[in-house]
């Protein structure tokens, strides 16, 4: 999604003759009209008037995707040695898939639990869009709704919709679900992958720690039997 929307928004900003920024935790510059907040940590009180789109995917699918991606990513943070001289990627590659997924779950919880727990679903200036809807058969209607919400009309609205179609994530994710190296950023767009990849112990631990988050964003818990959920 980050790669997808960065491509769309950069070209949209160019077409609007507007300044684009990709941010992590900071507010955009005053002259910025279009920005991407990849980790949903924008300090909204510092932004001023805004309209935004928030994309939410099942955290369990994000965890599975992150596990495979972090096995080979070239992102700098994954290659910085810790106090023992070992990088996150080296630690992930040194363990089997079961433990690697537990590592990824703990990493996800550490960096994302607070933002998910405190996210305001009732902000009238943010349109909540489900990943499933964005990737579904009715996605053209979702594209139109998104740019209507952002206040784009006429040619500007059409530009946004056409860019979404051009970089459509569904077209860009036809990579085999087993391909986790060779620089393939996109694996698969399919929802519910976690059901095939997570073990009952993983699911139990996620629901123990993030069950309230799943429910908040409309994702059903899955009953798990025969597992204590201990790690």
Protein backbone atom coordinates (compact mmCIF):
# COMPACT_ATOMS: atom_id res chain seq x y z
CA UNK A 1 0.00 0.00 0.00
CA UNK A 2 2.81 2.45 0.77
CA UNK A 3 4.47 1.91 -2.61
CA UNK A 4 1.09 2.03 -4.35
CA UNK A 5 -0.11 5.29 -2.79
CA UNK A 6 3.26 6.99 -3.03
CA UNK A 7 3.19 6.49 -6.80
CA UNK A 8 -0.40 7.72 -7.06
CA UNK A 9 -0.01 10.74 -4.81
CA UNK A 10 3.29 11.93 -6.30
CA UNK A 11 1.77 12.02 -9.78
CA UNK A 12 -1.49 13.48 -8.48
CA UNK A 13 0.44 16.29 -6.81
CA UNK A 14 2.34 16.89 -10.04
CA UNK A 15 -0.94 17.08 -11.96
CA UNK A 16 -2.33 19.51 -9.37
CA UNK A 17 0.87 21.58 -9.44
CA UNK A 18 1.13 20.96 -5.70
CA UNK A 19 3.93 20.01 -3.32
CA UNK A 20 4.10 16.36 -2.18
CA UNK A 21 5.71 14.97 0.98
CA UNK A 22 6.17 11.47 2.39
CA UNK A 23 6.19 11.63 6.19
CA UNK A 24 6.71 9.38 9.17
CA UNK A 25 5.99 11.23 12.41
CA UNK A 26 6.25 14.92 11.50
CA UNK A 27 3.64 17.36 10.26
CA UNK A 28 3.93 18.41 6.60
CA UNK A 29 5.46 21.72 5.62
CA UNK A 30 2.95 24.60 5.39
CA UNK A 31 3.25 24.73 1.60
CA UNK A 32 2.56 20.99 1.19
CA UNK A 33 -0.85 20.19 -0.25
CA UNK A 34 -0.54 16.41 -0.70
CA UNK A 35 1.23 14.07 1.70
CA UNK A 36 1.55 10.38 2.56
CA UNK A 37 1.79 9.28 6.17
CA UNK A 38 2.96 5.70 5.85
CA UNK A 39 2.62 4.80 9.54
CA UNK A 40 -0.43 6.87 10.50
CA UNK A 41 1.57 8.90 13.03
CA UNK A 42 0.82 12.38 11.71
CA UNK A 43 0.30 14.92 14.54
CA UNK A 44 -3.05 16.14 13.19
CA UNK A 45 -3.28 19.05 15.62
CA UNK A 46 -0.24 20.56 13.86
CA UNK A 47 -1.57 20.16 10.33
CA UNK A 48 -4.38 22.69 10.19
CA UNK A 49 -7.46 22.02 8.03
CA UNK A 50 -7.12 18.62 6.35
CA UNK A 51 -8.95 15.85 4.56
CA UNK A 52 -7.48 12.39 4.58
CA UNK A 53 -7.90 8.74 3.63
CA UNK A 54 -6.99 6.04 6.15
CA UNK A 55 -6.39 2.53 4.81
CA UNK A 56 -6.76 -0.32 7.30
CA UNK A 57 -5.79 -3.93 6.66
CA UNK A 58 -6.25 -6.93 8.93
CA UNK A 59 -3.26 -6.78 11.31
CA UNK A 60 -2.82 -10.55 10.96
CA UNK A 61 -2.26 -10.20 7.21
CA UNK A 62 0.10 -7.28 7.81
CA UNK A 63 2.14 -9.47 10.18
CA UNK A 64 2.44 -12.27 7.61
CA UNK A 65 3.38 -9.81 4.86
CA UNK A 66 5.92 -8.11 7.13
CA UNK A 67 7.56 -11.40 8.07
CA UNK A 68 8.29 -12.32 4.45
CA UNK A 69 9.29 -8.77 3.50
CA UNK A 70 11.73 -8.32 6.37
CA UNK A 71 13.57 -11.52 5.46
CA UNK A 72 15.12 -9.77 2.45
CA UNK A 73 14.38 -6.03 2.70
CA UNK A 74 17.16 -3.54 2.05
CA UNK A 75 15.62 -0.93 4.36
CA UNK A 76 18.34 0.59 6.49
CA UNK A 77 16.76 0.01 9.90
CA UNK A 78 16.70 -3.78 9.37
CA UNK A 79 20.47 -3.76 8.85
CA UNK A 80 21.55 -1.74 11.88
CA UNK A 81 23.35 -3.97 14.44
CA UNK A 82 22.05 -4.04 18.01
CA UNK A 83 24.20 -4.06 21.15
CA UNK A 84 25.15 -7.66 20.34
CA UNK A 85 26.20 -6.81 16.80
CA UNK A 86 23.23 -8.54 15.14
CA UNK A 87 20.69 -6.89 12.86
CA UNK A 88 16.95 -7.46 12.93
CA UNK A 89 17.14 -9.21 9.57
CA UNK A 90 19.96 -11.48 10.71
CA UNK A 91 17.97 -12.47 13.78
CA UNK A 92 14.89 -13.13 11.67
CA UNK A 93 16.86 -15.25 9.19
CA UNK A 94 18.51 -17.22 12.00
CA UNK A 95 15.27 -18.73 13.32
CA UNK A 96 12.62 -20.98 11.83
CA UNK A 97 9.34 -19.64 10.50
CA UNK A 98 7.43 -20.28 13.73
CA UNK A 99 9.79 -18.17 15.82
CA UNK A 100 10.21 -15.67 12.99
CA UNK A 101 6.48 -15.00 12.99
CA UNK A 102 6.53 -14.57 16.77
CA UNK A 103 9.35 -12.04 16.33
CA UNK A 104 7.29 -10.20 13.74
CA UNK A 105 4.20 -10.21 15.96
CA UNK A 106 6.17 -8.71 18.86
CA UNK A 107 7.69 -6.13 16.51
CA UNK A 108 4.24 -5.19 15.17
CA UNK A 109 2.77 -4.87 18.67
CA UNK A 110 5.65 -2.72 19.91
CA UNK A 111 5.44 -0.24 17.05
CA UNK A 112 1.71 -0.23 16.29
CA UNK A 113 -0.46 -1.09 19.29
CA UNK A 114 -0.70 2.45 20.69
CA UNK A 115 -1.50 4.09 17.36
CA UNK A 116 -4.19 1.49 16.64
CA UNK A 117 -5.71 1.76 20.11
CA UNK A 118 -5.88 5.57 19.98
CA UNK A 119 -6.84 6.00 16.32
CA UNK A 120 -10.01 8.12 16.04
CA UNK A 121 -12.47 6.27 13.83
CA UNK A 122 -14.95 9.13 14.22
CA UNK A 123 -12.78 11.89 12.76
CA UNK A 124 -15.09 13.54 10.18
CA UNK A 125 -12.05 14.66 8.18
CA UNK A 126 -10.74 11.12 7.68
CA UNK A 127 -12.42 8.62 5.37
CA UNK A 128 -11.87 5.06 6.60
CA UNK A 129 -11.26 2.67 3.70
CA UNK A 130 -10.97 -1.08 4.12
CA UNK A 131 -8.09 -2.81 2.34
CA UNK A 132 -10.56 -5.49 1.29
CA UNK A 133 -12.83 -2.91 -0.35
CA UNK A 134 -9.87 -1.21 -2.00
CA UNK A 135 -8.81 -4.54 -3.53
CA UNK A 136 -12.31 -5.81 -4.25
CA UNK A 137 -14.44 -5.96 -7.37
CA UNK A 138 -16.13 -2.63 -6.57
CA UNK A 139 -12.83 -0.75 -6.17
CA UNK A 140 -13.68 1.78 -8.91
CA UNK A 141 -16.51 3.05 -6.70
CA UNK A 142 -14.06 3.25 -3.77
CA UNK A 143 -11.62 5.28 -5.88
CA UNK A 144 -14.39 7.72 -6.79
CA UNK A 145 -15.55 8.02 -3.18
CA UNK A 146 -11.99 8.71 -2.01
CA UNK A 147 -11.36 11.62 -4.35
CA UNK A 148 -14.86 13.01 -3.83
CA UNK A 149 -14.10 13.04 -0.11
CA UNK A 150 -10.83 14.87 -0.75
CA UNK A 151 -12.77 17.56 -2.58
CA UNK A 152 -11.48 16.92 -6.08
CA UNK A 153 -13.87 17.61 -8.94
CA UNK A 154 -13.91 17.37 -12.70
CA UNK A 155 -10.52 16.70 -14.30
CA UNK A 156 -8.75 16.59 -10.93
CA UNK A 157 -11.13 13.88 -9.72
CA UNK A 158 -10.72 11.92 -12.95
CA UNK A 159 -6.94 12.19 -12.67
CA UNK A 160 -7.00 10.66 -9.21
CA UNK A 161 -9.22 7.76 -10.28
CA UNK A 162 -7.15 7.09 -13.41
CA UNK A 163 -3.93 7.04 -11.38
CA UNK A 164 -5.43 4.52 -8.96
CA UNK A 165 -6.33 2.32 -11.92
CA UNK A 166 -2.88 2.77 -13.45
CA UNK A 167 -1.02 1.67 -10.33
CA UNK A 168 -3.74 -0.69 -9.16
CA UNK A 169 -2.32 -2.85 -6.38
CA UNK A 170 -4.26 -5.84 -7.65
CA UNK A 171 -2.30 -5.74 -10.90
CA UNK A 172 1.03 -5.23 -9.14
CA UNK A 173 0.70 -8.12 -6.72
CA UNK A 174 0.59 -11.12 -9.03
CA UNK A 175 3.82 -12.38 -7.48
CA UNK A 176 3.83 -15.94 -6.21
CA UNK A 177 3.05 -16.11 -2.50
CA UNK A 178 6.23 -18.19 -2.06
CA UNK A 179 8.55 -15.59 -3.60
CA UNK A 180 10.20 -13.86 -0.67
CA UNK A 181 13.51 -12.80 -2.18
CA UNK A 182 15.01 -11.52 -5.43
CA UNK A 183 13.82 -8.03 -4.55
CA UNK A 184 10.10 -8.70 -4.98
CA UNK A 185 8.40 -6.09 -2.81
CA UNK A 186 4.85 -7.24 -3.50
CA UNK A 187 3.90 -10.83 -2.63
CA UNK A 188 0.15 -11.22 -2.86
CA UNK A 189 -2.86 -8.98 -2.43
CA UNK A 190 -5.09 -11.76 -1.14
CA UNK A 191 -6.83 -11.11 2.16
CA UNK A 192 -6.92 -13.82 4.80
CA UNK A 193 -3.41 -15.17 4.10
CA UNK A 194 -2.86 -15.37 7.83
CA UNK A 195 -5.24 -18.35 8.00
CA UNK A 196 -2.77 -20.40 5.95
CA UNK A 197 0.47 -19.11 7.50
CA UNK A 198 -0.15 -18.45 11.18
CA UNK A 199 -0.16 -21.36 13.61
CA UNK A 200 -2.78 -21.58 16.38
CA UNK A 201 -0.21 -20.31 18.90
CA UNK A 202 0.42 -17.23 16.77
CA UNK A 203 -3.29 -16.51 16.43
CA UNK A 204 -3.88 -16.98 20.15
CA UNK A 205 -1.07 -14.59 21.04
CA UNK A 206 -2.28 -11.95 18.58
CA UNK A 207 -5.81 -12.13 19.93
CA UNK A 208 -4.54 -12.01 23.50
CA UNK A 209 -2.65 -8.80 22.78
CA UNK A 210 -4.65 -7.23 19.95
CA UNK A 211 -8.11 -8.78 20.11
CA UNK A 212 -9.65 -5.43 21.07
CA UNK A 213 -7.90 -3.79 18.11
CA UNK A 214 -9.24 -6.43 15.71
CA UNK A 215 -12.76 -5.78 16.97
CA UNK A 216 -12.32 -2.00 16.82
CA UNK A 217 -11.55 -2.14 13.10
CA UNK A 218 -14.18 -4.76 12.33
CA UNK A 219 -12.03 -7.90 12.09
CA UNK A 220 -13.48 -10.97 13.75
CA UNK A 221 -11.58 -12.95 16.33
CA UNK A 222 -10.98 -16.60 15.52
CA UNK A 223 -11.62 -19.19 18.24
CA UNK A 224 -8.47 -21.24 18.82
CA UNK A 225 -8.60 -24.53 20.67
CA UNK A 226 -5.84 -26.69 22.08
CA UNK A 227 -3.40 -23.82 22.52
CA UNK A 228 -2.36 -21.89 25.58
CA UNK A 229 -1.08 -18.96 23.55
CA UNK A 230 2.13 -18.86 25.60
CA UNK A 231 5.42 -17.87 24.03
